[in-house]
């Protein structure tokens, strides 16, 4: 079963080493990342992630949090509506 998530992220200020162009390229290379975009609002970027299971989702989130320049993330799992 494919799991999908929307991950929102906040960057450290540029003075602390965050470079959005380089960061987006790095994020797009993460396993499971289908889309990575720079956005406005309370968060600086979003990712659409597709993985096979919870273990893979854990790996993506763990790897994401280790990338320099990322201040915080919020992961929102996509739910299937009840029918």
Protein backbone atom coordinates (compact mmCIF):
# COMPACT_ATOMS: atom_id res chain seq x y z
CA UNK A 1 0.00 0.00 0.00
CA UNK A 2 1.45 3.34 -1.02
CA UNK A 3 1.52 5.98 1.72
CA UNK A 4 1.46 9.63 0.70
CA UNK A 5 2.35 12.67 2.77
CA UNK A 6 2.60 16.42 2.49
CA UNK A 7 5.65 17.68 4.36
CA UNK A 8 5.95 21.37 5.16
CA UNK A 9 9.31 22.82 6.12
CA UNK A 10 10.76 25.96 7.62
CA UNK A 11 14.28 27.12 6.77
CA UNK A 12 16.93 28.76 8.89
CA UNK A 13 17.72 32.35 7.85
CA UNK A 14 20.16 32.68 4.92
CA UNK A 15 22.78 33.99 7.35
CA UNK A 16 22.80 30.51 8.90
CA UNK A 17 23.57 28.80 5.61
CA UNK A 18 20.18 28.09 4.02
CA UNK A 19 20.26 28.33 0.20
CA UNK A 20 16.82 27.49 -1.20
CA UNK A 21 17.98 26.55 -4.71
CA UNK A 22 20.58 24.06 -3.51
CA UNK A 23 18.25 22.80 -0.82
CA UNK A 24 15.39 22.10 -3.24
CA UNK A 25 17.72 20.12 -5.48
CA UNK A 26 18.81 18.04 -2.49
CA UNK A 27 15.20 17.51 -1.40
CA UNK A 28 14.14 16.39 -4.88
CA UNK A 29 16.76 13.63 -4.74
CA UNK A 30 15.40 12.10 -1.52
CA UNK A 31 13.79 8.68 -1.97
CA UNK A 32 10.03 9.01 -2.29
CA UNK A 33 9.94 12.76 -2.98
CA UNK A 34 7.70 13.39 -5.99
CA UNK A 35 7.56 17.18 -5.73
CA UNK A 36 9.45 19.91 -3.86
CA UNK A 37 8.49 23.58 -4.11
CA UNK A 38 9.43 26.88 -2.47
CA UNK A 39 6.29 28.56 -1.07
CA UNK A 40 5.06 31.64 0.79
CA UNK A 41 3.32 31.67 4.15
CA UNK A 42 4.36 30.28 7.52
CA UNK A 43 6.45 27.55 5.85
CA UNK A 44 9.18 27.90 3.24
CA UNK A 45 8.78 24.69 1.23
CA UNK A 46 6.55 21.69 0.73
CA UNK A 47 7.21 18.13 -0.39
CA UNK A 48 4.86 15.51 -1.77
CA UNK A 49 6.18 12.12 -0.69
CA UNK A 50 5.07 8.64 -1.80
CA UNK A 51 6.46 5.60 0.01
CA UNK A 52 5.54 1.93 0.37
CA UNK A 53 5.23 1.75 4.15
CA UNK A 54 5.69 3.49 7.48
CA UNK A 55 9.34 2.43 7.69
CA UNK A 56 10.14 4.24 4.45
CA UNK A 57 8.25 7.33 5.68
CA UNK A 58 10.32 7.29 8.87
CA UNK A 59 13.51 7.15 6.78
CA UNK A 60 12.46 10.11 4.61
CA UNK A 61 11.55 12.26 7.63
CA UNK A 62 14.74 11.31 9.49
CA UNK A 63 16.92 12.09 6.46
CA UNK A 64 15.05 15.37 5.90
CA UNK A 65 15.62 16.53 9.47
CA UNK A 66 19.37 15.92 9.13
CA UNK A 67 19.77 18.30 6.16
CA UNK A 68 21.57 21.50 7.09
CA UNK A 69 19.48 24.62 6.63
CA UNK A 70 16.16 23.03 7.65
CA UNK A 71 14.81 24.48 10.88
CA UNK A 72 11.68 22.35 11.33
CA UNK A 73 9.21 20.14 9.47
CA UNK A 74 5.57 19.13 9.77
CA UNK A 75 4.41 15.88 8.18
CA UNK A 76 0.75 15.47 7.18
CA UNK A 77 -0.25 11.95 6.12
CA UNK A 78 -2.85 11.73 3.37
CA UNK A 79 -5.87 9.75 4.59
CA UNK A 80 -8.30 7.70 2.53
CA UNK A 81 -11.88 8.88 2.95
CA UNK A 82 -14.36 6.37 4.30
CA UNK A 83 -16.89 5.18 1.78
